[in-house]
Amino acid sequence: MSRIGNNPIAIPEGATVELQDNIITVKGKLGELTQEYSGVSIKSEDGQVVVTRPSDSKEHKAKHGLYRSLISNMILGVTNGWTKELELVGVGYRAGNQGQKLDLALGFSHNIVLNLAPEVKVETISEKGKNPIIKLTSHDKQLVGQIAAKIRSFRKPEPYKGKGIKFVGEQLRRKAGKSA
């Protein structure tokens, strides 16, 4: 039995859920998200969204929890939004932005310029004596995570000194260097 899939999702004020064919649309103050679904039935009643499955087959059980989580993330996204923060650890690592262009100096011969989707708001914070921070905000959790992972892939944190791009609050596995 899916513990996640059985929980109803409360629809907060300011958010609306529409069901048509096999597409669910969630609208809120921050934007609109759509998701196609199959293998489960979704009902919107009494200010709640309920996901049910037709049988106890492995595929239906998997989709039950999946679509419940996706819909929950969509509702939270259009009401509150999602934020990811990345920290640049290393001497000379810098980040700046002009609008939707993110400019990264990560120790390569050229800077990396990344054009971001218009749904994602980017902010770079550079304080003297602290590591630069890139703050990504959007109503789409999947898009924010994908862009954050793309930025992190340019220079993953290495295990000896911890230099690279890491998520704020991420615990890194550190290794001891060679002993004399």
C-alpha atoms as a PDB file:
ATOM      1  CA  MET A   1       0.000   0.000   0.000  1.00  0.00           C
ATOM      2  CA  SER A   2       1.392   3.392  -0.980  1.00  0.00           C
ATOM      3  CA  ARG A   3       1.544   5.585   2.095  1.00  0.00           C
ATOM      4  CA  ILE A   4       2.344   8.682   0.062  1.00  0.00           C
ATOM      5  CA  GLY A   5      -0.276   8.053  -2.622  1.00  0.00           C
ATOM      6  CA  ASN A   6      -3.132   7.601  -0.138  1.00  0.00           C
ATOM      7  CA  ASN A   7      -2.705  11.055   1.435  1.00  0.00           C
ATOM      8  CA  PRO A   8      -5.069  13.696   0.022  1.00  0.00           C
ATOM      9  CA  ILE A   9      -3.517  16.964  -1.152  1.00  0.00           C
ATOM     10  CA  ALA A  10      -5.064  20.130   0.290  1.00  0.00           C
ATOM     11  CA  ILE A  11      -5.627  22.931  -2.239  1.00  0.00           C
ATOM     12  CA  PRO A  12      -4.707  26.266  -0.577  1.00  0.00           C
ATOM     13  CA  GLU A  13      -6.540  29.517  -1.265  1.00  0.00           C
ATOM     14  CA  GLY A  14      -5.424  31.184  -4.486  1.00  0.00           C
ATOM     15  CA  ALA A  15      -4.707  27.881  -6.244  1.00  0.00           C
ATOM     16  CA  THR A  16      -7.033  26.134  -8.689  1.00  0.00           C
ATOM     17  CA  VAL A  17      -6.861  22.579 -10.032  1.00  0.00           C
ATOM     18  CA  GLU A  18      -8.450  21.644 -13.366  1.00  0.00           C
ATOM     19  CA  LEU A  19      -8.776  18.116 -14.767  1.00  0.00           C
ATOM     20  CA  GLN A  20      -9.280  17.487 -18.502  1.00  0.00           C
ATOM     21  CA  ASP A  21      -8.805  14.116 -20.224  1.00  0.00           C
ATOM     22  CA  ASN A  22      -5.478  12.902 -18.802  1.00  0.00           C
ATOM     23  CA  ILE A  23      -4.013  16.340 -18.049  1.00  0.00           C
ATOM     24  CA  ILE A  24      -4.026  18.145 -14.713  1.00  0.00           C
ATOM     25  CA  THR A  25      -3.522  21.930 -14.672  1.00  0.00           C
ATOM     26  CA  VAL A  26      -2.630  23.829 -11.507  1.00  0.00           C
ATOM     27  CA  LYS A  27      -2.857  27.641 -11.464  1.00  0.00           C
ATOM     28  CA  GLY A  28      -1.716  29.972  -8.721  1.00  0.00           C
ATOM     29  CA  LYS A  29      -0.309  33.410  -8.007  1.00  0.00           C
ATOM     30  CA  LEU A  30       3.189  32.442  -9.233  1.00  0.00           C
ATOM     31  CA  GLY A  31       2.214  30.712 -12.476  1.00  0.00           C
ATOM     32  CA  GLU A  32       0.606  27.723 -14.147  1.00  0.00           C
ATOM     33  CA  LEU A  33       1.822  24.114 -14.424  1.00  0.00           C
ATOM     34  CA  THR A  34       0.436  21.153 -16.369  1.00  0.00           C
ATOM     35  CA  GLN A  35       1.138  17.436 -16.008  1.00  0.00           C
ATOM     36  CA  GLU A  36       0.005  14.484 -18.084  1.00  0.00           C
ATOM     37  CA  TYR A  37      -0.896  11.323 -16.156  1.00  0.00           C
ATOM     38  CA  SER A  38      -1.837   7.702 -16.831  1.00  0.00           C
ATOM     39  CA  GLY A  39      -2.535   4.566 -14.814  1.00  0.00           C
ATOM     40  CA  VAL A  40      -4.270   6.411 -11.960  1.00  0.00           C
ATOM     41  CA  SER A  41      -7.494   8.376 -11.489  1.00  0.00           C
ATOM     42  CA  ILE A  42      -7.460  11.863  -9.977  1.00  0.00           C
ATOM     43  CA  LYS A  43     -10.453  13.614  -8.402  1.00  0.00           C
ATOM     44  CA  SER A  44     -10.701  17.185  -7.130  1.00  0.00           C
ATOM     45  CA  GLU A  45     -13.360  17.520  -4.417  1.00  0.00           C
ATOM     46  CA  ASP A  46     -13.953  19.551  -1.225  1.00  0.00           C
ATOM     47  CA  GLY A  47     -10.727  21.560  -1.595  1.00  0.00           C
ATOM     48  CA  GLN A  48      -8.644  18.391  -1.890  1.00  0.00           C
ATOM     49  CA  VAL A  49      -7.062  16.354  -4.670  1.00  0.00           C
ATOM     50  CA  VAL A  50      -7.271  12.575  -4.247  1.00  0.00           C
ATOM     51  CA  VAL A  51      -5.226  10.110  -6.331  1.00  0.00           C
ATOM     52  CA  THR A  52      -6.498   6.515  -6.573  1.00  0.00           C
ATOM     53  CA  ARG A  53      -5.194   3.480  -8.430  1.00  0.00           C
ATOM     54  CA  PRO A  54      -7.282   0.850 -10.266  1.00  0.00           C
ATOM     55  CA  SER A  55      -5.370  -2.223  -9.021  1.00  0.00           C
ATOM     56  CA  ASP A  56      -2.483  -3.336  -6.803  1.00  0.00           C
ATOM     57  CA  SER A  57      -0.123  -4.129  -9.682  1.00  0.00           C
ATOM     58  CA  LYS A  58       3.471  -2.964  -9.316  1.00  0.00           C
ATOM     59  CA  GLU A  59       3.123  -0.360 -12.093  1.00  0.00           C
ATOM     60  CA  HIS A  60      -0.046   1.157 -10.596  1.00  0.00           C
ATOM     61  CA  LYS A  61       1.487   1.272  -7.112  1.00  0.00           C
ATOM     62  CA  ALA A  62       4.553   3.113  -8.460  1.00  0.00           C
ATOM     63  CA  LYS A  63       2.489   5.638 -10.412  1.00  0.00           C
ATOM     64  CA  HIS A  64       0.160   6.192  -7.449  1.00  0.00           C
ATOM     65  CA  GLY A  65       2.875   7.688  -5.244  1.00  0.00           C
ATOM     66  CA  LEU A  66       4.632   9.374  -8.175  1.00  0.00           C
ATOM     67  CA  TYR A  67       1.660  11.385  -9.413  1.00  0.00           C
ATOM     68  CA  ARG A  68       0.582  12.296  -5.888  1.00  0.00           C
ATOM     69  CA  SER A  69       4.063  13.737  -5.230  1.00  0.00           C
ATOM     70  CA  LEU A  70       4.186  15.540  -8.582  1.00  0.00           C
ATOM     71  CA  ILE A  71       0.778  17.167  -8.002  1.00  0.00           C
ATOM     72  CA  SER A  72       1.747  18.144  -4.446  1.00  0.00           C
ATOM     73  CA  ASN A  73       4.958  19.765  -5.757  1.00  0.00           C
ATOM     74  CA  MET A  74       2.981  21.605  -8.443  1.00  0.00           C
ATOM     75  CA  ILE A  75       0.524  23.022  -5.890  1.00  0.00           C
ATOM     76  CA  LEU A  76       3.326  24.083  -3.526  1.00  0.00           C
ATOM     77  CA  GLY A  77       5.208  25.615  -6.450  1.00  0.00           C
ATOM     78  CA  VAL A  78       2.415  27.853  -7.741  1.00  0.00           C
ATOM     79  CA  THR A  79       1.605  29.066  -4.205  1.00  0.00           C
ATOM     80  CA  ASN A  80       5.034  29.361  -2.478  1.00  0.00           C
ATOM     81  CA  GLY A  81       7.661  28.665  -5.160  1.00  0.00           C
ATOM     82  CA  TRP A  82      10.868  26.614  -4.993  1.00  0.00           C
ATOM     83  CA  THR A  83      14.396  27.855  -4.268  1.00  0.00           C
ATOM     84  CA  LYS A  84      17.815  26.249  -4.700  1.00  0.00           C
ATOM     85  CA  GLU A  85      21.021  27.880  -3.494  1.00  0.00           C
ATOM     86  CA  LEU A  86      24.468  26.963  -4.822  1.00  0.00           C
ATOM     87  CA  GLU A  87      27.753  27.998  -3.221  1.00  0.00           C
ATOM     88  CA  LEU A  88      31.007  28.494  -5.166  1.00  0.00           C
ATOM     89  CA  VAL A  89      33.944  27.300  -3.045  1.00  0.00           C
ATOM     90  CA  GLY A  90      37.395  28.117  -4.403  1.00  0.00           C
ATOM     91  CA  VAL A  91      39.857  30.949  -4.891  1.00  0.00           C
ATOM     92  CA  GLY A  92      38.840  33.157  -7.820  1.00  0.00           C
ATOM     93  CA  TYR A  93      35.457  31.488  -8.378  1.00  0.00           C
ATOM     94  CA  ARG A  94      32.916  34.193  -9.187  1.00  0.00           C
ATOM     95  CA  ALA A  95      29.324  34.418 -10.355  1.00  0.00           C
ATOM     96  CA  GLY A  96      27.398  37.319 -11.838  1.00  0.00           C
ATOM     97  CA  ASN A  97      24.186  37.798 -13.747  1.00  0.00           C
ATOM     98  CA  GLN A  98      22.663  40.262 -16.189  1.00  0.00           C
ATOM     99  CA  GLY A  99      18.973  39.421 -16.433  1.00  0.00           C
ATOM    100  CA  GLN A 100      18.676  35.749 -17.406  1.00  0.00           C
ATOM    101  CA  LYS A 101      22.389  35.315 -18.290  1.00  0.00           C
ATOM    102  CA  LEU A 102      24.510  33.701 -15.603  1.00  0.00           C
ATOM    103  CA  ASP A 103      28.258  34.340 -15.915  1.00  0.00           C
ATOM    104  CA  LEU A 104      30.511  31.877 -14.044  1.00  0.00           C
ATOM    105  CA  ALA A 105      34.285  32.180 -13.558  1.00  0.00           C
ATOM    106  CA  LEU A 106      35.352  28.714 -12.394  1.00  0.00           C
ATOM    107  CA  GLY A 107      39.079  28.600 -13.129  1.00  0.00           C
ATOM    108  CA  PHE A 108      38.768  27.606 -16.795  1.00  0.00           C
ATOM    109  CA  SER A 109      40.397  29.649 -19.573  1.00  0.00           C
ATOM    110  CA  HIS A 110      37.030  31.266 -20.429  1.00  0.00           C
ATOM    111  CA  ASN A 111      33.996  32.192 -18.374  1.00  0.00           C
ATOM    112  CA  ILE A 112      30.903  30.003 -18.702  1.00  0.00           C
ATOM    113  CA  VAL A 113      27.822  31.955 -19.801  1.00  0.00           C
ATOM    114  CA  LEU A 114      24.515  30.162 -19.245  1.00  0.00           C
ATOM    115  CA  ASN A 115      21.181  31.402 -20.625  1.00  0.00           C
ATOM    116  CA  LEU A 116      18.430  30.477 -18.175  1.00  0.00           C
ATOM    117  CA  ALA A 117      14.758  29.793 -18.869  1.00  0.00           C
ATOM    118  CA  PRO A 118      12.474  32.820 -18.349  1.00  0.00           C
ATOM    119  CA  GLU A 119      10.509  30.943 -15.630  1.00  0.00           C
ATOM    120  CA  VAL A 120      13.597  30.856 -13.384  1.00  0.00           C
ATOM    121  CA  LYS A 121      14.692  33.958 -11.476  1.00  0.00           C
ATOM    122  CA  VAL A 122      18.429  34.050 -10.780  1.00  0.00           C
ATOM    123  CA  GLU A 123      20.194  36.119  -8.149  1.00  0.00           C
ATOM    124  CA  THR A 124      23.915  36.182  -7.329  1.00  0.00           C
ATOM    125  CA  ILE A 125      25.114  37.205  -3.887  1.00  0.00           C
ATOM    126  CA  SER A 126      28.779  38.198  -3.483  1.00  0.00           C
ATOM    127  CA  GLU A 127      29.899  39.430  -0.074  1.00  0.00           C
ATOM    128  CA  LYS A 128      33.499  40.185   0.790  1.00  0.00           C
ATOM    129  CA  GLY A 129      35.101  37.358   2.741  1.00  0.00           C
ATOM    130  CA  LYS A 130      32.331  34.878   1.886  1.00  0.00           C
ATOM    131  CA  ASN A 131      31.811  32.421  -0.949  1.00  0.00           C
ATOM    132  CA  PRO A 132      29.600  33.624  -3.837  1.00  0.00           C
ATOM    133  CA  ILE A 133      26.045  32.208  -3.781  1.00  0.00           C
ATOM    134  CA  ILE A 134      23.724  31.609  -6.740  1.00  0.00           C
ATOM    135  CA  LYS A 135      20.024  31.650  -5.813  1.00  0.00           C
ATOM    136  CA  LEU A 136      17.549  30.075  -8.272  1.00  0.00           C
ATOM    137  CA  THR A 137      13.799  30.597  -7.746  1.00  0.00           C
ATOM    138  CA  SER A 138      10.815  29.344  -9.769  1.00  0.00           C
ATOM    139  CA  HIS A 139       7.354  27.799  -9.476  1.00  0.00           C
ATOM    140  CA  ASP A 140       8.559  24.626 -11.281  1.00  0.00           C
ATOM    141  CA  LYS A 141      10.523  22.343  -8.905  1.00  0.00           C
ATOM    142  CA  GLN A 142      11.724  20.085 -11.701  1.00  0.00           C
ATOM    143  CA  LEU A 143      13.141  22.983 -13.737  1.00  0.00           C
ATOM    144  CA  VAL A 144      14.934  24.555 -10.743  1.00  0.00           C
ATOM    145  CA  GLY A 145      16.519  21.211  -9.836  1.00  0.00           C
ATOM    146  CA  GLN A 146      17.580  20.544 -13.416  1.00  0.00           C
ATOM    147  CA  ILE A 147      19.246  23.960 -13.811  1.00  0.00           C
ATOM    148  CA  ALA A 148      20.927  23.662 -10.392  1.00  0.00           C
ATOM    149  CA  ALA A 149      22.305  20.237 -11.351  1.00  0.00           C
ATOM    150  CA  LYS A 150      23.565  21.652 -14.686  1.00  0.00           C
ATOM    151  CA  ILE A 151      25.394  24.504 -12.902  1.00  0.00           C
ATOM    152  CA  ARG A 152      26.858  22.069 -10.341  1.00  0.00           C
ATOM    153  CA  SER A 153      28.098  19.775 -13.137  1.00  0.00           C
ATOM    154  CA  PHE A 154      30.478  22.486 -14.425  1.00  0.00           C
ATOM    155  CA  ARG A 155      32.721  22.045 -11.360  1.00  0.00           C
ATOM    156  CA  LYS A 156      31.653  19.333  -8.903  1.00  0.00           C
ATOM    157  CA  PRO A 157      33.132  19.568  -5.384  1.00  0.00           C
ATOM    158  CA  GLU A 158      36.319  17.565  -5.068  1.00  0.00           C
ATOM    159  CA  PRO A 159      36.883  15.436  -1.946  1.00  0.00           C
ATOM    160  CA  TYR A 160      40.308  16.748  -0.822  1.00  0.00           C
ATOM    161  CA  LYS A 161      39.884  20.516  -0.448  1.00  0.00           C
ATOM    162  CA  GLY A 162      36.139  20.738  -1.129  1.00  0.00           C
ATOM    163  CA  LYS A 163      36.587  23.178  -4.025  1.00  0.00           C
ATOM    164  CA  GLY A 164      33.795  23.398  -6.588  1.00  0.00           C
ATOM    165  CA  ILE A 165      30.081  24.209  -6.747  1.00  0.00           C
ATOM    166  CA  LYS A 166      27.971  22.721  -3.980  1.00  0.00           C
ATOM    167  CA  PHE A 167      24.432  23.155  -2.675  1.00  0.00           C
ATOM    168  CA  VAL A 168      24.140  25.326   0.430  1.00  0.00           C
ATOM    169  CA  GLY A 169      24.014  22.978   3.423  1.00  0.00           C
ATOM    170  CA  GLU A 170      25.341  19.974   1.461  1.00  0.00           C
ATOM    171  CA  GLN A 171      27.657  17.687   3.441  1.00  0.00           C
ATOM    172  CA  LEU A 172      30.691  16.594   1.426  1.00  0.00           C
ATOM    173  CA  ARG A 173      32.680  13.419   2.004  1.00  0.00           C
ATOM    174  CA  ARG A 174      36.203  14.592   2.648  1.00  0.00           C
ATOM    175  CA  LYS A 175      39.312  12.459   2.196  1.00  0.00           C
ATOM    176  CA  ALA A 176      42.658  12.751   3.962  1.00  0.00           C
ATOM    177  CA  GLY A 177      45.550  13.758   1.713  1.00  0.00           C
ATOM    178  CA  LYS A 178      48.667  11.706   1.297  1.00  0.00           C
ATOM    179  CA  SER A 179      50.572  11.327   4.556  1.00  0.00           C
ATOM    180  CA  ALA A 180      54.304  12.038   4.650  1.00  0.00           C
END
